[in-house]
Amino acid sequence: MDPTTPDMKIRQVLDHWRQVGPIDIARHMQYVPPIETDSSVDPKLVRLTSGIDCLAQLLRHLASHANDIHGYIEEVMVAGKSNPVLAYAWQPFERNQPWPDKEQMAAAVAQKMEVIKEMVEGPEPREVAYFFLGLSGSDIMWETYWSRPETSLFAKVIYQERTSGRWRARERTRYDFACAVIHLDRTLNSSQTLQGAVNSSFGPHTGSDGLPEIWLAAGAEVARVFYRPSSGHSLPFGHLYEFDLPLGVPDLAEAMANATGTVPVRWRVHYRLFAVIRQSPVSLFRPQGPDYIRTYNHSGTKVDMHWKPSSIVNDTWSVEDDVPGVTYTLVYLKRAPLPGLVPSEFGVAAPASRILRTASSSRRPDGTRRTRRGKRAGASKDSSLPGSSPSTDPPASASTSAQTFPPEPDASAAPLDSPLAHMDSVWVSLPKPSDDGAESLADRIRRVQADLGDLNEFYHISIAPSRHARLQQFYDDELESLAAVDFGALNQQDRIDYILLKKHLQRISRQLQSEKEAFGDFKVLLPFADAIVSLCERRENVKPMEAEKTAKQLDGITTSVAAITKQVQDGKVKISKTNAYRASKVIKELRGHLKEFYGFYSSYDPLFDWWCAAQWRAADAALDAYLPLVEDKLAGLRSDGTGDIIGEPIGRKALLHELEAEVLAYSPEELVRIANEQFRWCEAEMRRASRELGYGDDWKRAMEYVKTKSVPPGEQTQLVLELAREGANFVREHDLVTVPPIAEETYRMFMMSPAAQKVNPFFLGGPAIIVSYPTAEMEYGLKQMVMRGNNRHFSKATAFHELIPGHRLQLFMGERHRSHRQLFQTPFFVEGWAMYWELVFWERGDFFTSAEDRIGTLFWRMHRCARIILSLGFHLGDMQPQECIDNLVAWVGHERSTAEGEVRRWLNGDYSPLYQCGYFVGALQLFALRREAVLEQGKMTERAFNDLVLRCGAIPQELVRAVVMETELEADYDAKWRFYSFK
């Protein structure tokens, strides 16, 4: 990956937070304004509740178990005795201080509940990986640490182990380092020499059992940056919070080697600019107005730092360093979850400064220098910081300012055999140039989608060798480019985008190769294809028209079509129905291309009309006569749609490739086994409902009774509207998922045409709901079957499946959250999400309350089981289309007309080979993930879980799980999740 991309910069910020988390987050606490309370509230509680913003994930869990504010506080107080997070978040400031009065605590915490609600339930829930409470002011921290280290609320870092989900305290090294920095500040303010302060703060005699030597160098870097020899003491420690430490700059070793009591002026770094962040990833910075952020210095004096939004360009701020040609750029995050701590090969995480040093020029295009406050060179500079003494350092001399960066080490530099000589191998090496034109993963996906659209639009002849070659080149180039991305530097969502794009490119590359190979199986029916492709490609490339030569080619096409027509009529061509069906689609396509070719030249080129008009008409007429011959005689199709049902089985190898692309860790045979087990469960439940209706174990008789419960003609639309509102109201009243008002307000209803009902015998939904019901023109028997198939109780499970919380809500959210992932839409999410709600409602037991309702939803569940068994059986070559129809009638109780419509829809080429598996398998995946995350581990509420799933986009469910459960991902990720336990 280009190290200057925004993704890489974000990764560097996260690495920095891992390394110096205690300092960094303590700095953030300085920005938390105190809560406005009345005088009756304990001020310690005010400071305590100011840290709640750090506890987003904990709060998400607690909020799911708290009915009111008192219940929330009670759980906190009880759990605090055993949970390390709660213990450190809520323990008293003094060793023997009793717990505050519950009413007082409730009053204080209540003032933060709106913020909490926004964090955990809002449209962009936030997560943090660091949890601790900080005190403001170095003196308080000093006393807290040295007098009662066991009760310190400052330096303890508590984080979530990403792989196991257990809470664990990272006790020694980072804890001691943070406390050593406090000690360093104290000793520097006591006029110790820099070298002595570093040694006394970071040496092995500090009671830390010997810190790694790298901390000595780190301490020297801290001191180097903040020590001011002109004033005789370091900056107040409060400012250590207000600015990000530039740990990891290339001159780290030199800083240690030169830490002899003074620091060269040329190394002095001015931080005139506050680290102003408009929107913090963990809501720690609370804007007090539209154009400034309020902060507090170490003494508690309020300081208002004003800034204008117009001064922010490309989300960065720049300040000028004393070193020519070097710019410090502040990069901030927006609602980005912080990953867990990851040790490097040296035993510590590799840090990177949040203020990124770049090698870009510090001069503007007009030749003037960039300054910290946007002034031109020569303007006055005030290098002092709020709360500190103004600098009296003389300006750097010309010879000093002309030095290169980093400066050459002097004679006191560390020897090569010292650990300090290898600092660059441990710390992130900066500077790195910036690139405002860098491409994010989301933008890469959008570009790939747009590029593919343009390429497919231009290379639109499906069998053309030029199309195959150009698309394959594009796939190879994009895969090669993607491989250059530093996967380890990506956050979780970007890693998912990386995996999705890689698998998509690999999948369509394989499909392209399959198309080429398949053409060879039916090319015998298309001897004229190359000539048509040649003519149409010359037209696409706007080659000069050679009218006489073109007329000869058109005449040759007519002759070739006539010859193959005679062979087919004489029965000399032996080919399967499947290949004949494929050939018929290509013939229809080529005829359309030839018609467009003619329209491009006719009437615009007089020579073309003179030479080619008659020849084109003859060729078009020959193709028009040849097409129905192939469809009828070879493929068994009928123009009225009543002929044989023809599909294109892809075979087991291709099915395995499709399962790999869908990130499913199951074979086709295992999916069939799952479906058979679930079908048997459905039969048992059917018998139970049948007995309630008085039909004993003959559940098919009970189903026949349910099918009679249809509404009279003209009332179906009102029934559907009633059922749709019932589903939306149910999820809203039980707080199961967020229903945006516009999603419910703006969907429309239409009626299914008689022709469409032949392939869609039931409802369809999404942006609108399309209702199936008999029309006046249908014959009596067909009317009866359609009415029976769309009865009240079958429709109850269909309405919410198609609308809310099903497809309508899913598509609505997909267009508004991570919309770039629409390229990767999978039926295992699209259909799995809608059917998942059938499983949830069944488990609750308060939606499908009557035996008739249960039979209605069980019909659909059995139908989805049959879809898996029959569609995979067809693609594995074990079952013919007519067998699929017969089994739907016999197994599930379908009307024959609806069974025929279903199978036609599966096999007409509009759906992917695994689409029919997506309903139930995808639903089982989501249902298992809900059980794991919500019911077993209590990571979030049911509503938060469903909202989070919707915001992931319609992607493979195992990658949704990676978001919810924060599982580790690799660049070559393969499916691992075994979500189903076989009986």
Foldseek 3Di string as FASTA:
>chain_A
DACFFLLNLVLQALLQCLFQVLLQVLLLLLQQDFDDDDPVADVQLRLLLSQVLQVLLVLQLLVQVAPDLLSSLVCLVVCLVPDVLSVQSQPDLDPPDDHDDSVSNSVNNVSCVVVSCCQQPNLQHFAEFWGFGHDFALVSQLCSCPVPVVNRRRQWTWGADQAPRDIDTPPAASSLLVVLLSQLQVVQVVLDFQLVSLCCSQACPVPRNGHPCVSSLVSLQVCQAFPAVQVRGGAGCQVSSFFWRQPQEPCSLLSSLPSPRDHDPLSHWFDADTLDDDAALSRSFDDPDDFWGWGAGNVRDIDIDGDDPVQQDLQWAWADTLAFQKIWIAHHDHNAYRDHNDADPVRGRAHGINRAIANHGQADPVGFGQHRVRDTPPDDDFRDYVPDDTHPDDRDDPVSNPAHPPHDRDPSGDDCPDPSVCSCVRYPYDDHHHDSPHAALLNVLVVVVVVVVVLCVLVVQLQDPVSLVVLLVVLVVVLVVLVPDPLVSGDLLSNLSLQLVNLVSVLVNVVSVVSNVLCVQQCVLPPLVVLLVVLLVCVSVVPDDPQQVNLVSLLVLLVVLVVSLVCLVVVVDDHALQSLVVVLVSLVVSLVSLVVSCVVPPPPPVSNCVRHPVSSVSNSVSSVVRNVSSCCSHNQADPVRPTDQHFDFAAQVSVVSVCFSLQHPDGLVVLLLVLVVLLVVLLVLLQVLCVVVPNHSPSLVVLLVLLVQFDDPPCLVVLLVVLLVVQQVVCVVVVQADDPPCLVVQAEEAEDDPVLCLQVLQWAAASYIYGHADDPPDDPVVNSQSRSCCHNLLSSLVSCCRGPPHRSVLNVLCCVASVSCVVAADLLQRQLRSLLVVVVVVVVCPRQPHSSNSLSSSLVSNVLSLLSNALSCVSNVNDDLVRSLVCNCVSRVHDSSNSSSNSSNQGVPPDDSCNSNSNNNSSLLVNLLCCVQPVPVSSRHSHSLVSQLSNSHNGNSVSSSCVRSVHDADSPDHRDDPSDDRD
